Amino acid sequence: MKRTGFAFHEHCLWHDAGPCSVFDRPGGFIQPAAAAEHPETKRRLRNLLAVSGLLEQLTPVNGTPAMREDLLRFHTPRYIDELSAMSEQGYGDAGQYAPFRQDAFPIACRSAGLAMATVTAVLRGEIYNGYCLSRPPGHHAEADRGMGFCLLGNIPIAIRAAQAQGLVRRVAVIDWDVHHGNGTQQAFYEDDEVLTISLHHDNNYPIDSGSAEERGSGAGFGYNLNVPLPAGSGIGAYLAAMDQLVIPALERFKPELVVVACGFDASAMDPLGCMLLNADAFGQLTAKVMTAAERLCEGRLVMVHEGGYSQGYVPFCGHRVIETLSQSEIHVPDPAGDDIARWGQQELQPHQAALLESLLPLLKDIR
């Protein structure tokens, strides 16, 4: 069996995003509540892996926290200093919808370090592919501010570190979190050696971000592909987007490594999304990317955990992805999967098909 790595550290689950619920802060008519970006979604996923026995089949990946020099490959010195200072004082807000409490900065460095370690282990052949269960998430974090529960750009930091070590040059990033991966887009917007692809709910979060017209600039023009899907897109729409746009983009680009920003908030059960995927759909998306990676870059594939806010359902989606990655015979049934698959409009709808067709010309600038 080809080895699949699993990166995790309990310290990541100690990150405290404060009593902000689905908002950036309580107050006025907003009653305090546990943050939507809550450790239980990740803890329950790891617990399910342990109970099913799949965890025992995975190769542990250990990493040290990212250092300042690692962060500086993406983030500004001012932002790093401010984030560190606020963390030491015990509370702060990194930017937009990114509040936090004590020790947020060292925990975020731990999260970025786990992503770095997983990418490095795959590129050095220590593992075949890997899943990084890190927290806080990173795909919204920009160079000079945090956003959307994200403090540090885990994926940009990991890719830049690997490039700096000479381990890789051309990398493709696929982001299927339901929200636009604006931070990852920003990190590589002028770079023709990193292809960034984001499938997301059209104009959800961040507002006015992630349109198809955002294609990169300078040398990076054409190497940023946004697929802004209509609300209510289901299994058919996502699989069609993968077949018609994402896989052809990978084939044109020919990456040496594929990294997936693996959010589960496009699931039908998510409180911050309005898409219709079930666990099997995430498994199918994973299988398609694996097949492409095997053909293009000897299977080098890293999944980095991002969003997903249903404490009950995220574990089943995540388990299905890791089942698929590891090609394990262990299978955990999705208790809601069959019902979700039978919901109306799960097939590719005419307006969704028209959107995907309209984006096909964007592929010609990837080479």
Protein backbone atom coordinates (compact mmCIF):
# COMPACT_ATOMS: atom_id res chain seq x y z
CA MET A 1 0.00 0.00 0.00
CA LYS A 2 1.33 3.45 -0.91
CA ARG A 3 1.89 5.48 2.22
CA THR A 4 -0.36 8.43 3.02
CA GLY A 5 0.92 10.91 5.56
CA PHE A 6 -1.20 12.55 8.24
CA ALA A 7 -0.07 15.77 9.92
CA PHE A 8 -1.73 16.82 13.16
CA HIS A 9 -0.86 18.46 16.45
CA GLU A 10 -3.16 18.88 19.44
CA HIS A 11 -1.89 22.43 19.96
CA CYS A 12 -3.73 23.51 16.80
CA LEU A 13 -7.02 22.64 18.48
CA TRP A 14 -6.22 25.01 21.33
CA HIS A 15 -6.57 28.03 19.06
CA ASP A 16 -9.35 30.23 20.48
CA ALA A 17 -11.25 32.34 17.96
CA GLY A 18 -13.31 34.00 20.69
CA PRO A 19 -17.08 34.26 21.27
CA CYS A 20 -17.86 35.50 17.76
CA SER A 21 -20.26 32.84 16.41
CA VAL A 22 -20.65 33.48 12.65
CA PHE A 23 -19.80 37.17 13.10
CA ASP A 24 -16.47 38.89 13.70
CA ARG A 25 -17.40 39.93 17.24
CA PRO A 26 -20.34 39.87 19.69
CA GLY A 27 -22.03 42.95 21.04
CA GLY A 28 -25.28 44.88 20.71
CA PHE A 29 -27.89 42.41 19.56
CA ILE A 30 -25.30 39.72 18.80
CA GLN A 31 -25.25 37.25 21.66
CA PRO A 32 -21.82 35.69 22.34
CA ALA A 33 -21.47 32.10 21.16
CA ALA A 34 -18.73 29.68 20.23
CA ALA A 35 -16.92 30.65 17.06
CA ALA A 36 -18.01 28.94 13.85
CA GLU A 37 -14.34 28.02 13.25
CA HIS A 38 -14.39 25.60 16.15
CA PRO A 39 -11.89 22.87 17.11
CA GLU A 40 -14.59 20.18 17.30
CA THR A 41 -14.87 19.89 13.51
CA LYS A 42 -11.21 18.86 13.36
CA ARG A 43 -11.16 16.90 16.61
CA ARG A 44 -14.16 14.84 15.52
CA LEU A 45 -12.48 14.08 12.20
CA ARG A 46 -9.37 12.80 13.94
CA ASN A 47 -11.55 10.86 16.40
CA LEU A 48 -13.41 9.20 13.53
CA LEU A 49 -10.11 8.21 11.92
CA ALA A 50 -9.08 6.63 15.22
CA VAL A 51 -12.36 4.79 15.77
CA SER A 52 -12.48 3.44 12.20
CA GLY A 53 -8.90 2.22 12.41
CA LEU A 54 -7.77 4.28 9.43
CA LEU A 55 -5.50 6.43 11.58
CA GLU A 56 -3.31 3.38 12.24
CA GLN A 57 -2.74 2.97 8.50
CA LEU A 58 -1.49 6.55 8.05
CA THR A 59 2.12 7.67 8.41
CA PRO A 60 2.48 10.42 11.04
CA VAL A 61 3.99 13.66 9.78
CA ASN A 62 5.57 15.86 12.42
CA GLY A 63 6.58 19.43 11.88
CA THR A 64 8.09 22.30 13.81
CA PRO A 65 6.38 25.71 13.85
CA ALA A 66 7.10 28.00 10.93
CA MET A 67 9.85 30.51 11.64
CA ARG A 68 9.84 34.22 10.90
CA GLU A 69 11.88 33.71 7.72
CA ASP A 70 9.22 31.26 6.50
CA LEU A 71 6.42 33.73 7.15
CA LEU A 72 8.28 36.56 5.42
CA ARG A 73 8.14 34.75 2.10
CA PHE A 74 4.47 35.79 2.02
CA HIS A 75 3.57 38.09 4.90
CA THR A 76 4.81 41.61 5.63
CA PRO A 77 7.07 42.27 8.63
CA ARG A 78 4.54 44.74 10.04
CA TYR A 79 1.72 42.20 9.99
CA ILE A 80 3.84 39.50 11.60
CA ASP A 81 4.92 41.89 14.36
CA GLU A 82 1.38 43.11 15.03
CA LEU A 83 -0.06 39.60 15.06
CA SER A 84 2.64 38.45 17.48
CA ALA A 85 2.13 41.44 19.78
CA MET A 86 -1.66 41.05 19.90
CA SER A 87 -1.27 37.35 20.59
CA GLU A 88 1.02 38.06 23.53
CA GLN A 89 -1.43 40.54 25.01
CA GLY A 90 -4.10 37.83 24.92
CA TYR A 91 -6.60 39.06 22.33
CA GLY A 92 -6.87 40.84 19.01
CA ASP A 93 -8.27 40.87 15.51
CA ALA A 94 -6.01 40.07 12.59
CA GLY A 95 -8.09 42.01 10.08
CA GLN A 96 -11.55 41.03 8.89
CA TYR A 97 -13.51 38.24 10.60
CA ALA A 98 -10.30 37.02 12.22
CA PRO A 99 -10.57 37.57 16.01
CA PHE A 100 -8.45 35.53 18.36
CA ARG A 101 -7.31 35.06 21.95
CA GLN A 102 -4.13 34.07 23.79
CA ASP A 103 -1.37 32.17 21.92
CA ALA A 104 -2.94 32.59 18.49
CA PHE A 105 0.36 33.49 16.83
CA PRO A 106 2.45 30.49 17.98
CA ILE A 107 -0.46 28.16 17.19
CA ALA A 108 -0.82 29.67 13.71
CA CYS A 109 2.93 29.14 13.22
CA ARG A 110 2.39 25.52 14.26
CA SER A 111 -0.40 25.20 11.67
CA ALA A 112 1.80 26.63 8.91
CA GLY A 113 4.65 24.38 10.03
CA LEU A 114 2.48 21.28 9.63
CA ALA A 115 1.64 22.30 6.06
CA MET A 116 5.33 22.86 5.37
CA ALA A 117 6.23 19.45 6.79
CA THR A 118 3.58 17.65 4.72
CA VAL A 119 4.67 19.29 1.47
CA THR A 120 8.32 18.54 2.23
CA ALA A 121 7.62 14.89 3.10
CA VAL A 122 5.78 14.34 -0.19
CA LEU A 123 8.45 16.06 -2.27
CA ARG A 124 11.23 14.07 -0.61
CA GLY A 125 9.39 10.81 -1.23
CA GLU A 126 8.98 10.03 2.47
CA ILE A 127 5.24 9.62 1.84
CA TYR A 128 3.26 9.20 -1.37
CA ASN A 129 0.63 11.82 -0.57
CA GLY A 130 -0.53 13.55 2.58
CA TYR A 131 -3.35 15.15 4.53
CA CYS A 132 -2.60 18.08 6.83
CA LEU A 133 -5.22 18.58 9.56
CA SER A 134 -4.05 22.02 10.63
CA ARG A 135 -5.77 24.92 12.35
CA PRO A 136 -6.26 27.88 12.15
CA PRO A 137 -6.98 27.72 8.41
CA GLY A 138 -5.10 29.88 5.95
CA HIS A 139 -6.57 30.42 2.49
CA HIS A 140 -8.11 33.84 3.26
CA ALA A 141 -5.02 35.30 4.97
CA GLU A 142 -3.43 38.02 2.87
CA ALA A 143 0.11 39.36 3.02
CA ASP A 144 -0.74 42.14 5.48
CA ARG A 145 -3.90 40.97 7.24
CA GLY A 146 -5.91 38.01 8.42
CA MET A 147 -9.38 37.33 7.06
CA GLY A 148 -12.19 34.82 7.46
CA PHE A 149 -10.81 32.96 10.53
CA CYS A 150 -7.38 32.71 8.80
CA LEU A 151 -4.25 34.22 10.34
CA LEU A 152 -1.33 32.91 8.27
CA GLY A 153 -1.28 31.62 4.70
CA ASN A 154 -0.48 27.96 5.37
CA ILE A 155 -0.34 26.92 1.72
CA PRO A 156 1.65 29.89 0.34
CA ILE A 157 4.12 29.57 3.22
CA ALA A 158 4.54 25.84 2.56
CA ILE A 159 4.98 26.23 -1.20
CA ARG A 160 7.45 29.11 -0.92
CA ALA A 161 9.49 27.15 1.64
CA ALA A 162 9.68 24.13 -0.68
CA GLN A 163 10.66 26.34 -3.61
CA ALA A 164 13.33 28.04 -1.51
CA GLN A 165 14.82 24.63 -0.73
CA GLY A 166 14.86 23.73 -4.41
CA LEU A 167 12.41 20.86 -3.88
CA VAL A 168 9.86 22.04 -6.43
CA ARG A 169 9.26 24.71 -9.05
CA ARG A 170 5.83 24.34 -10.66
CA VAL A 171 2.92 23.85 -8.25
CA ALA A 172 -0.84 23.77 -8.84
CA VAL A 173 -3.22 24.75 -6.02
CA ILE A 174 -6.87 23.67 -6.18
CA ASP A 175 -9.19 25.28 -3.65
CA TRP A 176 -12.65 23.73 -3.30
CA ASP A 177 -13.57 25.48 -0.06
CA VAL A 178 -16.97 27.12 -0.60
CA HIS A 179 -15.40 30.56 -0.12
CA HIS A 180 -12.94 32.18 -2.50
CA GLY A 181 -9.27 31.50 -1.76
CA ASN A 182 -8.33 35.17 -1.95
CA GLY A 183 -5.16 34.88 0.11
CA THR A 184 -3.69 32.09 -1.99
CA GLN A 185 -4.67 34.01 -5.11
CA GLN A 186 -2.87 37.11 -3.85
CA ALA A 187 0.28 35.17 -2.97
CA PHE A 188 0.79 33.91 -6.52
CA TYR A 189 -1.08 36.48 -8.63
CA GLU A 190 2.03 37.55 -10.57
CA ASP A 191 3.64 34.11 -10.66
CA ASP A 192 3.59 31.81 -13.69
CA GLU A 193 5.10 28.92 -11.73
CA VAL A 194 2.11 28.46 -9.42
CA LEU A 195 -1.30 27.81 -10.94
CA THR A 196 -4.15 28.73 -8.58
CA ILE A 197 -7.68 27.42 -9.15
CA SER A 198 -10.60 28.25 -6.86
CA LEU A 199 -14.07 26.68 -7.05
CA HIS A 200 -16.36 28.69 -4.79
CA HIS A 201 -19.81 30.15 -4.27
CA ASP A 202 -20.01 33.21 -6.47
CA ASN A 203 -19.44 36.44 -4.51
CA ASN A 204 -20.01 34.92 -1.08
CA TYR A 205 -16.87 35.61 0.93
CA PRO A 206 -14.97 37.79 0.55
CA ILE A 207 -17.53 40.04 -1.13
CA ASP A 208 -16.37 41.30 -4.54
CA SER A 209 -13.63 38.70 -4.69
CA GLY A 210 -13.13 35.68 -6.90
CA SER A 211 -14.66 36.69 -10.22
CA ALA A 212 -13.64 34.97 -13.43
CA GLU A 213 -12.08 38.25 -14.57
CA GLU A 214 -9.38 37.92 -11.89
CA ARG A 215 -6.84 36.05 -13.98
CA GLY A 216 -3.45 37.09 -12.61
CA SER A 217 -1.19 39.91 -13.74
CA GLY A 218 2.18 40.34 -15.37
CA ALA A 219 3.92 37.01 -15.82
CA GLY A 220 1.09 35.41 -13.85
CA PHE A 221 -1.68 36.40 -16.26
CA GLY A 222 -3.73 33.33 -17.07
CA TYR A 223 -2.40 31.34 -14.13
CA ASN A 224 -5.24 32.25 -11.78
CA LEU A 225 -8.50 30.49 -12.60
CA ASN A 226 -11.65 31.30 -10.64
CA VAL A 227 -14.76 29.17 -11.04
CA PRO A 228 -17.53 31.15 -9.27
CA LEU A 229 -20.39 28.65 -8.97
CA PRO A 230 -24.04 29.63 -8.47
CA ALA A 231 -25.68 29.07 -5.10
CA GLY A 232 -27.14 25.58 -4.79
CA SER A 233 -24.59 23.90 -7.02
CA GLY A 234 -24.64 20.18 -6.39
CA ILE A 235 -22.67 17.06 -7.11
CA GLY A 236 -23.19 17.27 -10.87
CA ALA A 237 -21.93 20.84 -11.08
CA TYR A 238 -18.80 20.17 -9.04
CA LEU A 239 -17.87 17.01 -10.94
CA ALA A 240 -18.45 18.77 -14.26
CA ALA A 241 -16.27 21.70 -13.16
CA MET A 242 -13.54 19.25 -12.25
CA ASP A 243 -13.77 17.38 -15.57
CA GLN A 244 -14.20 20.39 -17.85
CA LEU A 245 -11.96 23.00 -16.21
CA VAL A 246 -9.78 21.84 -13.34
CA ILE A 247 -8.29 18.66 -14.80
CA PRO A 248 -7.70 20.24 -18.25
CA ALA A 249 -5.97 23.17 -16.51
CA LEU A 250 -3.69 20.76 -14.68
CA GLU A 251 -2.92 18.91 -17.91
CA ARG A 252 -1.93 22.15 -19.64
CA PHE A 253 0.20 23.34 -16.71
CA LYS A 254 1.93 20.02 -15.90
CA PRO A 255 2.71 20.67 -12.22
CA GLU A 256 5.39 18.93 -10.19
CA LEU A 257 3.10 18.98 -7.13
CA VAL A 258 -0.62 19.46 -6.55
CA VAL A 259 -1.89 21.05 -3.33
CA VAL A 260 -5.59 21.09 -2.45
CA ALA A 261 -7.08 23.66 -0.08
CA CYS A 262 -9.51 21.11 1.29
CA GLY A 263 -12.52 22.86 2.76
CA PHE A 264 -15.74 20.98 3.53
CA ASP A 265 -18.11 23.93 3.69
CA ALA A 266 -19.53 23.08 0.25
CA SER A 267 -21.29 20.18 1.95
CA ALA A 268 -25.07 20.17 2.13
CA MET A 269 -24.92 20.29 5.94
CA ASP A 270 -22.69 23.34 6.35
CA PRO A 271 -24.04 26.40 8.21
CA LEU A 272 -21.80 28.83 6.25
CA GLY A 273 -22.37 27.43 2.77
CA CYS A 274 -25.29 26.82 0.44
CA MET A 275 -23.99 24.05 -1.80
CA LEU A 276 -25.15 20.43 -1.92
CA LEU A 277 -22.19 18.06 -1.70
CA ASN A 278 -22.10 14.86 0.32
CA ALA A 279 -19.11 12.86 1.53
CA ASP A 280 -19.03 10.71 -1.59
CA ALA A 281 -18.72 13.83 -3.75
CA PHE A 282 -15.59 14.86 -1.87
CA GLY A 283 -14.25 11.36 -2.39
CA GLN A 284 -14.94 11.60 -6.12
CA LEU A 285 -13.24 15.00 -6.36
CA THR A 286 -10.23 13.55 -4.56
CA ALA A 287 -10.08 10.53 -6.86
CA LYS A 288 -10.10 12.77 -9.94
CA VAL A 289 -7.25 14.90 -8.61
CA MET A 290 -5.30 11.77 -7.59
CA THR A 291 -5.61 10.32 -11.08
CA ALA A 292 -4.39 13.56 -12.64
CA ALA A 293 -1.51 13.81 -10.16
CA GLU A 294 -0.46 10.23 -10.87
CA ARG A 295 -0.37 11.00 -14.56
CA LEU A 296 1.33 14.39 -14.30
CA CYS A 297 3.59 14.42 -11.23
CA GLU A 298 4.04 10.86 -9.96
CA GLY A 299 1.10 11.21 -7.56
CA ARG A 300 2.59 14.07 -5.51
CA LEU A 301 -0.49 15.45 -3.78
CA VAL A 302 -1.03 17.31 -0.50
CA MET A 303 -4.39 18.15 1.08
CA VAL A 304 -4.41 21.03 3.58
CA HIS A 305 -7.55 21.36 5.72
CA GLU A 306 -9.42 24.66 5.38
CA GLY A 307 -13.07 25.47 6.16
CA GLY A 308 -16.03 23.32 7.12
CA TYR A 309 -18.27 24.23 10.04
CA SER A 310 -20.65 21.33 10.59
CA GLN A 311 -19.26 19.53 13.61
CA GLY A 312 -21.39 16.49 12.82
CA TYR A 313 -20.79 16.22 9.09
CA VAL A 314 -17.21 17.39 8.46
CA PRO A 315 -15.77 14.16 9.92
CA PHE A 316 -17.55 12.01 7.34
CA CYS A 317 -16.43 14.22 4.46
CA GLY A 318 -12.86 14.30 5.72
CA HIS A 319 -12.78 10.55 6.32
CA ARG A 320 -13.95 9.92 2.77
CA VAL A 321 -11.15 12.09 1.39
CA ILE A 322 -8.51 10.31 3.47
CA GLU A 323 -9.99 6.88 2.63
CA THR A 324 -9.55 7.80 -1.01
CA LEU A 325 -6.07 9.26 -0.60
CA SER A 326 -4.82 6.15 1.19
CA GLN A 327 -6.74 3.68 -1.02
CA SER A 328 -7.76 1.97 2.20
CA GLU A 329 -10.28 -0.82 2.42
CA ILE A 330 -11.67 0.83 5.55
CA HIS A 331 -14.90 2.57 4.69
CA VAL A 332 -17.10 4.67 6.96
CA PRO A 333 -20.66 5.07 5.59
CA ASP A 334 -22.09 8.55 5.27
CA PRO A 335 -25.32 8.56 7.33
CA ALA A 336 -26.83 11.35 5.22
CA GLY A 337 -25.15 10.68 1.88
CA ASP A 338 -27.90 8.76 0.09
CA ASP A 339 -30.56 11.29 1.03
CA ILE A 340 -28.42 14.25 -0.06
CA ALA A 341 -27.69 12.58 -3.39
CA ARG A 342 -31.44 12.31 -4.02
CA TRP A 343 -32.15 15.99 -3.37
CA GLY A 344 -33.52 17.98 -6.29
CA GLN A 345 -31.15 19.78 -8.67
CA GLN A 346 -28.18 17.54 -7.88
CA GLU A 347 -27.64 17.02 -11.60
CA LEU A 348 -25.75 19.61 -13.62
CA GLN A 349 -28.29 22.34 -14.32
CA PRO A 350 -28.49 24.28 -17.63
CA HIS A 351 -27.37 27.58 -16.07
CA GLN A 352 -24.44 25.84 -14.38
CA ALA A 353 -23.42 24.15 -17.64
CA ALA A 354 -23.57 27.49 -19.45
CA LEU A 355 -21.30 29.06 -16.85
CA LEU A 356 -18.71 26.29 -17.15
CA GLU A 357 -18.77 26.55 -20.94
CA SER A 358 -18.22 30.32 -20.74
CA LEU A 359 -15.03 29.74 -18.72
CA LEU A 360 -13.43 27.29 -21.16
CA PRO A 361 -11.59 30.03 -23.15
CA LEU A 362 -9.65 30.91 -19.99
CA LEU A 363 -7.71 27.67 -20.26
CA LYS A 364 -5.84 28.78 -23.38
CA ASP A 365 -3.50 31.08 -21.43
CA ILE A 366 -2.25 28.25 -19.19
CA ARG A 367 0.89 26.64 -20.59
